[in-house]
N, C-alpha and C. Protein backbone atom coordinates (compact mmCIF):
# COMPACT_ATOMS: atom_id res chain seq x y z
N UNK A 1 93.72 149.36 123.44
CA UNK A 1 94.72 148.98 123.04
C UNK A 1 95.37 148.26 121.86
N UNK A 2 94.51 147.43 121.21
CA UNK A 2 95.54 146.81 120.37
C UNK A 2 94.64 147.55 119.55
N UNK A 3 93.33 147.97 119.38
CA UNK A 3 93.50 148.62 118.36
C UNK A 3 94.24 149.50 117.87
N UNK A 4 94.54 150.53 118.91
CA UNK A 4 95.98 151.63 118.41
C UNK A 4 97.19 150.85 117.97
N UNK A 5 97.52 149.49 118.39
CA UNK A 5 98.62 148.83 117.86
C UNK A 5 98.78 148.80 116.40
N UNK A 6 97.95 147.94 116.20
CA UNK A 6 96.93 147.64 114.62
C UNK A 6 96.60 149.37 113.75
N UNK A 7 96.35 149.87 114.40
CA UNK A 7 96.35 151.38 113.82
C UNK A 7 97.72 152.06 112.98
N UNK A 8 99.15 151.60 113.99
CA UNK A 8 99.27 152.14 114.04
C UNK A 8 100.58 150.37 113.41
N UNK A 9 100.50 149.47 113.22
CA UNK A 9 100.79 149.03 112.17
C UNK A 9 100.77 149.12 110.73
N UNK A 10 98.98 149.23 110.39
CA UNK A 10 98.81 149.89 109.25
C UNK A 10 99.40 150.97 108.68
N UNK A 11 99.24 151.75 109.98
CA UNK A 11 100.44 153.13 108.58
C UNK A 11 101.61 152.25 108.65
N UNK A 12 102.44 151.82 109.34
CA UNK A 12 103.36 151.09 109.39
C UNK A 12 104.06 150.48 107.62
N UNK A 13 102.58 150.07 107.54
CA UNK A 13 102.51 148.92 106.34
C UNK A 13 102.50 149.92 105.25
N UNK A 14 101.58 150.72 105.47
CA UNK A 14 101.58 152.69 104.13
C UNK A 14 102.64 153.00 103.78
N UNK A 15 103.83 153.09 105.25
CA UNK A 15 104.49 154.16 104.27
C UNK A 15 106.17 152.65 104.30
N UNK A 16 106.08 152.09 103.95
CA UNK A 16 107.03 150.42 103.80
C UNK A 16 106.55 150.05 102.39
N UNK A 17 104.45 150.63 102.38
CA UNK A 17 104.52 150.43 100.13
C UNK A 17 105.09 151.14 99.51
N UNK A 18 104.36 152.68 100.42
CA UNK A 18 105.03 154.06 99.37
C UNK A 18 106.71 153.68 99.34
N UNK A 19 107.02 153.37 100.25
CA UNK A 19 108.86 153.90 100.05
C UNK A 19 108.90 152.69 98.96
N UNK A 20 108.93 150.69 98.71
CA UNK A 20 108.75 149.94 97.69
C UNK A 20 108.48 150.66 96.55
N UNK A 21 107.28 151.78 96.17
CA UNK A 21 106.74 152.16 95.10
C UNK A 21 107.73 153.33 94.36
N UNK A 22 107.88 154.01 95.47
CA UNK A 22 109.39 155.35 95.31
C UNK A 22 110.42 155.29 94.75
N UNK A 23 111.16 153.62 95.69
CA UNK A 23 112.28 152.42 95.05
C UNK A 23 111.78 151.65 94.00
N UNK A 24 110.67 151.59 93.31
CA UNK A 24 110.86 151.37 92.07
C UNK A 24 109.99 152.28 91.25
N UNK A 25 109.89 152.92 91.21
CA UNK A 25 109.62 154.39 90.17
C UNK A 25 111.30 155.01 90.16
N UNK A 26 112.08 154.96 91.43
CA UNK A 26 113.88 155.70 91.07
C UNK A 26 114.18 154.00 89.85
N UNK A 27 113.95 153.51 90.72
CA UNK A 27 114.55 152.23 89.39
C UNK A 27 113.72 152.09 87.51
N UNK A 28 112.56 152.06 87.69
CA UNK A 28 111.68 152.53 86.05
C UNK A 28 112.53 153.29 85.71
N UNK A 29 112.41 154.78 86.51
CA UNK A 29 113.65 156.07 86.27
C UNK A 29 114.54 156.08 85.61
N UNK A 30 115.57 155.66 85.87
CA UNK A 30 116.90 154.77 85.87
C UNK A 30 117.12 153.49 84.93
N UNK A 31 116.30 153.19 84.49
CA UNK A 31 116.12 152.13 83.72
C UNK A 31 115.80 152.43 82.74
N UNK A 32 114.26 153.05 82.14
CA UNK A 32 113.85 153.87 81.52
C UNK A 32 115.24 154.81 80.64
N UNK A 33 116.03 155.29 81.41
CA UNK A 33 117.27 156.36 81.00
C UNK A 33 118.63 156.39 79.88
N UNK A 34 119.22 154.73 80.96
CA UNK A 34 120.02 154.11 80.84
C UNK A 34 119.00 153.01 79.13
N UNK A 35 118.18 152.64 79.54
CA UNK A 35 117.39 152.47 77.84
C UNK A 35 117.61 153.15 77.13
N UNK A 36 117.20 154.16 77.19
CA UNK A 36 117.38 155.27 76.20
C UNK A 36 118.89 155.72 75.48
N UNK A 37 119.53 155.77 76.31
CA UNK A 37 120.79 156.45 76.18
C UNK A 37 121.82 154.64 75.74
N UNK A 38 121.90 153.57 75.91
CA UNK A 38 122.55 152.67 75.94
C UNK A 38 122.03 152.28 73.92
N UNK A 39 123.04 151.84 73.05
CA UNK A 39 122.62 151.16 72.22
C UNK A 39 121.63 149.95 71.41
N UNK A 40 121.14 149.26 70.80
CA UNK A 40 120.57 148.36 71.58
C UNK A 40 121.99 147.54 71.22
N UNK A 41 123.02 146.83 70.52
CA UNK A 41 123.97 145.81 70.05
C UNK A 41 124.51 146.06 71.03
N UNK A 42 124.97 147.20 72.51
CA UNK A 42 125.31 146.63 73.39
C UNK A 42 124.56 146.28 74.78
N UNK A 43 123.03 146.87 73.83
CA UNK A 43 121.86 146.29 74.98
C UNK A 43 122.24 145.02 75.06
N UNK A 44 121.97 143.98 73.73
CA UNK A 44 122.33 143.45 73.82
C UNK A 44 123.36 142.07 74.02
N UNK A 45 124.69 142.85 73.62
CA UNK A 45 125.79 142.81 74.59
C UNK A 45 125.93 141.82 76.07
N UNK A 46 125.47 143.22 76.39
CA UNK A 46 124.92 142.76 77.92
C UNK A 46 124.28 142.13 78.82
N UNK A 47 123.40 141.62 78.09
CA UNK A 47 122.45 139.91 77.77
C UNK A 47 122.96 138.99 77.73
N UNK A 48 123.78 139.28 76.86
CA UNK A 48 125.36 138.12 76.89
C UNK A 48 125.71 137.84 78.06
N UNK A 49 125.86 138.45 78.66
CA UNK A 49 126.92 138.35 79.46
C UNK A 49 125.72 137.79 80.81
N UNK A 50 125.12 138.56 80.82
CA UNK A 50 123.96 138.51 82.19
C UNK A 50 123.72 136.70 81.58
N UNK A 51 123.25 136.69 80.38
CA UNK A 51 122.51 135.08 81.29
C UNK A 51 123.78 133.91 80.12
N UNK A 52 125.32 134.15 79.57
CA UNK A 52 124.99 132.99 79.45
C UNK A 52 125.66 132.01 80.89
N UNK A 53 126.01 132.28 81.81
CA UNK A 53 125.73 131.67 82.94
C UNK A 53 124.91 130.28 83.25
N UNK A 54 123.91 131.33 83.03
CA UNK A 54 122.13 130.36 82.90
C UNK A 54 122.46 129.81 82.07
N UNK A 55 121.87 130.29 81.64
CA UNK A 55 122.39 129.05 79.64
C UNK A 55 123.79 128.15 79.48
N UNK A 56 124.69 128.06 80.03
CA UNK A 56 125.65 126.91 79.97
C UNK A 56 125.15 126.01 81.26
N UNK A 57 124.79 126.19 82.32
CA UNK A 57 123.80 125.66 83.34
C UNK A 57 123.20 125.22 82.51
N UNK A 58 122.30 125.46 82.11
CA UNK A 58 120.63 125.18 81.21
C UNK A 58 120.20 125.97 80.32
N UNK A 59 120.39 125.03 78.64
CA UNK A 59 119.78 125.52 77.92
C UNK A 59 118.81 125.90 77.34
N UNK A 60 117.93 125.10 78.00
CA UNK A 60 116.75 125.65 77.98
C UNK A 60 116.51 126.70 78.98
N UNK A 61 116.80 127.38 79.75
CA UNK A 61 116.43 128.22 80.76
C UNK A 61 115.79 129.49 79.67
N UNK A 62 113.82 129.56 80.45
CA UNK A 62 113.40 130.01 80.42
C UNK A 62 113.61 131.59 79.49
N UNK A 63 113.65 131.99 81.23
CA UNK A 63 113.27 133.56 81.52
C UNK A 63 114.99 134.17 80.66
N UNK A 64 116.64 132.68 80.50
CA UNK A 64 117.50 133.73 80.16
C UNK A 64 117.50 133.64 78.30
N UNK A 65 117.02 132.70 78.09
CA UNK A 65 116.76 132.70 76.12
C UNK A 65 115.84 133.98 76.02
N UNK A 66 114.24 134.46 76.45
CA UNK A 66 113.65 135.29 76.48
C UNK A 66 113.87 135.67 76.92
N UNK A 67 114.88 137.16 77.49
CA UNK A 67 115.60 138.00 77.86
C UNK A 67 116.09 137.16 76.89
N UNK A 68 117.24 137.35 75.60
CA UNK A 68 118.24 136.96 74.96
C UNK A 68 116.66 137.87 73.55
N UNK A 69 116.12 136.65 72.94
CA UNK A 69 115.29 137.02 72.37
C UNK A 69 115.03 138.35 71.87
N UNK A 70 114.59 139.28 72.85
CA UNK A 70 113.32 139.87 73.58
C UNK A 70 115.41 141.32 72.85
N UNK A 71 115.91 141.79 73.60
CA UNK A 71 117.43 142.44 73.53
C UNK A 71 117.50 142.43 72.24
N UNK A 72 117.60 140.69 71.39
CA UNK A 72 118.02 141.02 70.27
C UNK A 72 117.05 141.32 69.23
N UNK A 73 115.83 141.21 69.48
CA UNK A 73 114.92 141.37 68.19
C UNK A 73 114.14 143.68 68.53
N UNK A 74 115.06 143.98 69.68
CA UNK A 74 114.30 145.25 70.47
C UNK A 74 114.74 146.12 69.07
N UNK A 75 113.45 147.25 68.29
CA UNK A 75 113.97 148.29 67.32
C UNK A 75 114.34 149.21 68.28
N UNK A 76 114.15 149.87 67.63
CA UNK A 76 114.40 151.38 67.89
C UNK A 76 113.33 151.79 68.48
N UNK A 77 111.97 151.59 67.23
CA UNK A 77 110.61 152.40 67.69
C UNK A 77 110.25 151.56 69.29
N UNK A 78 110.50 150.19 69.72
CA UNK A 78 110.83 149.33 70.34
C UNK A 78 111.20 150.21 71.59
N UNK A 79 111.46 150.62 71.83
CA UNK A 79 112.95 150.85 72.78
C UNK A 79 112.26 152.15 72.83
N UNK A 80 112.80 153.25 71.93
CA UNK A 80 112.16 154.77 72.02
C UNK A 80 111.24 154.27 73.26
N UNK A 81 110.06 153.10 72.74
CA UNK A 81 109.09 153.20 73.42
C UNK A 81 108.39 152.93 75.04
N UNK A 82 109.84 151.88 74.66
CA UNK A 82 109.59 151.85 76.10
C UNK A 82 110.91 152.68 76.98
N UNK A 83 111.44 153.19 76.68
CA UNK A 83 112.33 153.88 77.53
C UNK A 83 111.18 154.89 78.20
N UNK A 84 110.34 156.30 77.01
CA UNK A 84 109.65 156.96 77.13
C UNK A 84 108.86 156.23 78.95
N UNK A 85 107.73 155.29 78.30
CA UNK A 85 107.16 154.56 79.47
C UNK A 85 107.89 154.62 80.83
N UNK A 86 109.47 153.68 81.16
CA UNK A 86 109.97 153.98 82.40
C UNK A 86 109.94 154.70 82.60
N UNK A 87 110.70 155.88 81.61
CA UNK A 87 110.18 156.87 82.65
C UNK A 87 109.30 157.56 83.32
N UNK A 88 108.91 157.68 82.22
CA UNK A 88 107.36 158.57 82.48
C UNK A 88 106.70 157.45 83.61
N UNK A 89 106.63 156.57 83.36
CA UNK A 89 106.28 155.65 85.25
C UNK A 89 106.71 156.21 86.14
N UNK A 90 107.66 155.69 86.22
CA UNK A 90 108.66 156.22 87.16
C UNK A 90 108.49 157.20 87.99
N UNK A 91 108.72 157.90 87.10
CA UNK A 91 108.26 159.78 87.24
C UNK A 91 106.82 160.48 87.95
N UNK A 92 106.18 159.76 87.73
CA UNK A 92 105.02 159.94 88.17
C UNK A 92 104.47 159.31 89.37
N UNK A 93 105.92 157.61 89.81
CA UNK A 93 105.51 157.35 91.37
C UNK A 93 106.50 157.72 91.90
N UNK A 94 106.90 158.98 91.43
CA UNK A 94 108.26 159.42 92.06
C UNK A 94 108.09 160.51 92.66
N UNK A 95 106.43 161.10 92.28
CA UNK A 95 106.13 162.90 92.21
C UNK A 95 105.08 161.81 93.24
N UNK A 96 104.66 161.06 93.35
CA UNK A 96 102.84 160.86 94.30
C UNK A 96 103.61 161.03 95.67
N UNK A 97 104.79 159.68 95.59
CA UNK A 97 105.22 159.20 96.65
C UNK A 97 106.04 160.39 97.28
N UNK A 98 106.61 161.51 96.87
CA UNK A 98 106.73 162.41 96.76
C UNK A 98 106.29 163.52 98.00
N UNK A 99 104.08 163.38 97.39
CA UNK A 99 103.46 164.36 98.52
C UNK A 99 102.77 163.54 99.21
N UNK A 100 102.51 161.62 99.16
CA UNK A 100 102.38 161.22 100.13
C UNK A 100 103.23 161.07 101.55
N UNK A 101 104.19 160.87 101.42
CA UNK A 101 105.14 161.70 101.97
C UNK A 101 105.00 162.13 102.99
N UNK A 102 105.05 163.27 101.86
CA UNK A 102 105.15 164.65 103.23
C UNK A 102 103.66 165.28 103.71
N UNK A 103 102.48 163.90 103.37
CA UNK A 103 101.49 163.94 103.12
C UNK A 103 100.21 165.26 103.16
N UNK A 104 100.59 165.15 102.16
CA UNK A 104 99.35 166.33 100.85
C UNK A 104 98.18 166.04 100.95
N UNK A 105 97.44 166.45 100.84
CA UNK A 105 96.40 166.53 101.22
C UNK A 105 96.05 165.95 99.46
N UNK A 106 95.89 166.18 98.05
CA UNK A 106 95.88 166.10 96.79
C UNK A 106 96.49 165.03 96.60
N UNK A 107 97.63 164.83 97.14
CA UNK A 107 98.10 163.20 96.55
C UNK A 107 97.82 161.63 96.62
N UNK A 108 96.61 162.33 97.73
CA UNK A 108 95.98 160.36 98.00
C UNK A 108 95.14 160.11 96.75
N UNK A 109 93.96 161.22 96.90
CA UNK A 109 93.37 161.12 95.97
C UNK A 109 93.64 160.98 94.60
N UNK A 110 94.97 160.94 94.76
CA UNK A 110 95.75 161.44 92.77
C UNK A 110 96.37 160.20 92.70
N UNK A 111 96.97 159.73 94.27
CA UNK A 111 97.80 158.52 93.85
C UNK A 111 96.22 157.41 93.89
N UNK A 112 95.63 158.13 94.03
CA UNK A 112 94.40 156.34 94.14
C UNK A 112 94.41 156.35 91.90
N UNK A 113 93.29 157.55 91.83
CA UNK A 113 93.76 157.43 90.55
C UNK A 113 94.48 156.99 89.45
N UNK A 114 95.50 157.41 89.49
CA UNK A 114 96.50 156.97 89.14
C UNK A 114 96.85 154.91 89.23
N UNK A 115 96.63 155.06 90.59
CA UNK A 115 96.74 153.22 90.76
C UNK A 115 95.68 152.61 90.03
N UNK A 116 94.22 153.53 90.31
CA UNK A 116 93.83 152.61 89.24
C UNK A 116 93.92 152.30 87.57
N UNK A 117 94.14 152.83 87.31
CA UNK A 117 94.80 153.50 86.03
C UNK A 117 95.31 152.96 85.53
N UNK A 118 96.94 152.05 86.99
CA UNK A 118 97.49 151.56 86.00
C UNK A 118 97.26 149.38 86.52
N UNK A 119 96.05 149.15 87.51
CA UNK A 119 95.41 148.43 87.80
C UNK A 119 95.21 147.68 86.74
N UNK A 120 93.83 149.59 86.05
CA UNK A 120 93.24 148.74 84.88
C UNK A 120 94.13 148.30 83.70
N UNK A 121 94.91 149.19 83.32
CA UNK A 121 95.92 148.68 82.35
C UNK A 121 96.67 147.13 82.51
N UNK A 122 97.69 147.52 83.91
CA UNK A 122 97.68 145.44 84.52
C UNK A 122 97.53 144.16 83.97
N UNK A 123 96.36 144.69 84.38
CA UNK A 123 94.19 143.66 84.09
C UNK A 123 94.23 143.57 82.28
N UNK A 124 94.39 144.64 81.39
CA UNK A 124 94.13 143.89 80.16
C UNK A 124 95.84 143.32 79.68
N UNK A 125 96.63 143.97 79.83
CA UNK A 125 98.17 142.98 79.49
C UNK A 125 97.76 142.06 79.49
N UNK A 126 97.13 141.77 81.70
CA UNK A 126 96.86 140.40 81.84
C UNK A 126 96.63 139.54 80.90
N UNK A 127 95.56 140.47 80.28
CA UNK A 127 94.37 139.23 79.89
C UNK A 127 94.92 139.10 78.17
N UNK A 128 95.38 138.92 77.83
CA UNK A 128 96.83 139.00 77.27
C UNK A 128 98.09 137.96 76.56
N UNK A 129 98.55 138.99 78.57
CA UNK A 129 99.93 137.50 78.34
C UNK A 129 99.93 136.50 79.39
N UNK A 130 98.23 136.70 80.33
CA UNK A 130 98.34 135.61 81.73
C UNK A 130 100.19 135.06 82.43
N UNK A 131 100.50 136.76 81.87
CA UNK A 131 101.82 136.94 82.55
C UNK A 131 101.59 137.13 84.61
N UNK A 132 102.48 135.84 85.56
CA UNK A 132 102.67 135.89 86.30
C UNK A 132 102.58 136.86 87.11
N UNK A 133 103.91 137.71 86.79
CA UNK A 133 104.50 138.67 87.18
C UNK A 133 103.27 139.68 86.98
N UNK A 134 102.98 140.06 86.04
CA UNK A 134 102.32 141.29 85.80
C UNK A 134 100.81 140.99 86.66
N UNK A 135 100.18 140.14 87.57
CA UNK A 135 99.14 139.51 88.29
C UNK A 135 99.47 140.29 89.83
N UNK A 136 100.73 140.08 89.69
CA UNK A 136 101.76 139.46 91.35
C UNK A 136 102.27 141.57 91.54
N UNK A 137 102.42 142.75 90.32
CA UNK A 137 102.37 143.76 90.10
C UNK A 137 100.19 143.79 90.72
N UNK A 138 100.27 143.32 90.01
CA UNK A 138 98.59 144.84 90.31
C UNK A 138 98.25 143.93 92.24
N UNK A 139 98.51 142.59 91.92
CA UNK A 139 97.98 142.09 93.47
C UNK A 139 98.31 143.50 94.35
N UNK A 140 99.75 143.67 94.63
CA UNK A 140 100.26 144.66 95.12
C UNK A 140 99.79 146.27 94.24
N UNK A 141 99.75 146.88 93.65
CA UNK A 141 99.25 147.97 93.67
C UNK A 141 97.68 147.78 94.39
N UNK A 142 97.28 146.98 93.96
CA UNK A 142 96.01 146.66 95.10
C UNK A 142 96.00 146.94 96.60
N UNK A 143 97.05 145.76 97.48
CA UNK A 143 96.92 146.23 98.82
C UNK A 143 97.68 147.76 98.65
N UNK A 144 97.96 147.86 97.41
CA UNK A 144 98.80 149.85 98.39
C UNK A 144 97.42 150.73 97.36
N UNK A 145 96.66 150.38 97.39
CA UNK A 145 95.95 150.83 97.04
C UNK A 145 94.96 151.24 97.96
N UNK A 146 94.72 150.72 98.70
CA UNK A 146 94.09 149.87 100.20
C UNK A 146 94.30 150.61 101.07
N UNK A 147 95.23 150.39 101.44
CA UNK A 147 95.99 151.57 102.09
C UNK A 147 95.85 152.94 102.15
N UNK A 148 96.43 153.40 101.07
CA UNK A 148 96.63 155.06 100.30
C UNK A 148 94.88 154.87 101.06
N UNK A 149 93.94 154.77 100.56
CA UNK A 149 92.60 154.66 100.84
C UNK A 149 92.24 154.88 101.87
N UNK A 150 92.82 154.28 103.15
CA UNK A 150 93.32 154.57 104.61
C UNK A 150 93.44 155.07 105.68
N UNK A 151 94.54 155.64 104.49
CA UNK A 151 95.35 157.05 104.63
C UNK A 151 94.27 157.89 104.26
N UNK A 152 93.62 158.33 103.51
CA UNK A 152 92.49 159.03 102.86
C UNK A 152 91.91 159.45 103.41
N UNK A 153 90.98 158.74 104.20
CA UNK A 153 89.90 158.40 105.47
C UNK A 153 90.72 159.31 106.43
N UNK A 154 91.57 158.37 106.97
CA UNK A 154 91.57 158.88 107.99
C UNK A 154 92.31 160.52 107.66
N UNK A 155 93.28 161.18 106.69
CA UNK A 155 93.58 162.15 107.09
C UNK A 155 92.31 163.26 106.53
N UNK A 156 91.14 162.77 105.20
CA UNK A 156 90.52 163.48 104.97
C UNK A 156 89.26 163.99 106.59
N UNK A 157 89.44 162.88 107.72
CA UNK A 157 88.32 163.08 109.26
C UNK A 157 88.85 163.98 109.58
N UNK A 158 90.37 163.79 110.06
CA UNK A 158 91.35 165.05 110.07
C UNK A 158 91.35 165.89 109.89
N UNK A 159 90.98 166.32 108.27
CA UNK A 159 90.71 167.45 107.48
C UNK A 159 89.84 168.78 107.78
N UNK A 160 88.41 166.94 107.28
CA UNK A 160 87.66 168.16 107.50
C UNK A 160 87.06 167.73 109.15
N UNK A 161 87.27 167.71 110.71
CA UNK A 161 87.61 168.40 111.76
C UNK A 161 88.03 169.57 112.30
N UNK A 162 88.72 170.13 111.64
CA UNK A 162 90.51 171.27 111.07
C UNK A 162 89.52 171.99 111.13
N UNK A 163 89.25 172.03 109.70
CA UNK A 163 88.34 173.56 109.14
C UNK A 163 87.10 173.98 109.58
N UNK A 164 87.28 175.11 109.38
CA UNK A 164 86.29 176.04 110.98
C UNK A 164 84.09 175.49 109.78
């Protein structure tokens, strides 16, 4: 009985993590599109409005000052690259999440491959930035990959048993 409950909980955790990845993919896609259509000046003004309250309380706030610096130094080439990256990254996630939700057999190994590429790239970037947030995303992607692998093994087992 305890094993059945554990299996059910792991499946629910898989579904929740896939939902989170889907929301993340949608937000990345929307963010990439918005970044693509918003002018650098408008983006800079938005960041100023967004950070002014925090900077009025703490003029040395690292996050707020970093956001302002990033917005002020954003070139058109960088803006285009980040937009395309976010849109591509988000669409790939949405495509894979749709396949996993529909329990398409091809989606499991494809998602594992894509997550492995994401994790390797994030580790590469971490080696240059030492970003704690990047490390957290990498840990989450590794966790999701382990859940996808578990679901894939279960699906493969049932798939192999039902094939003639």
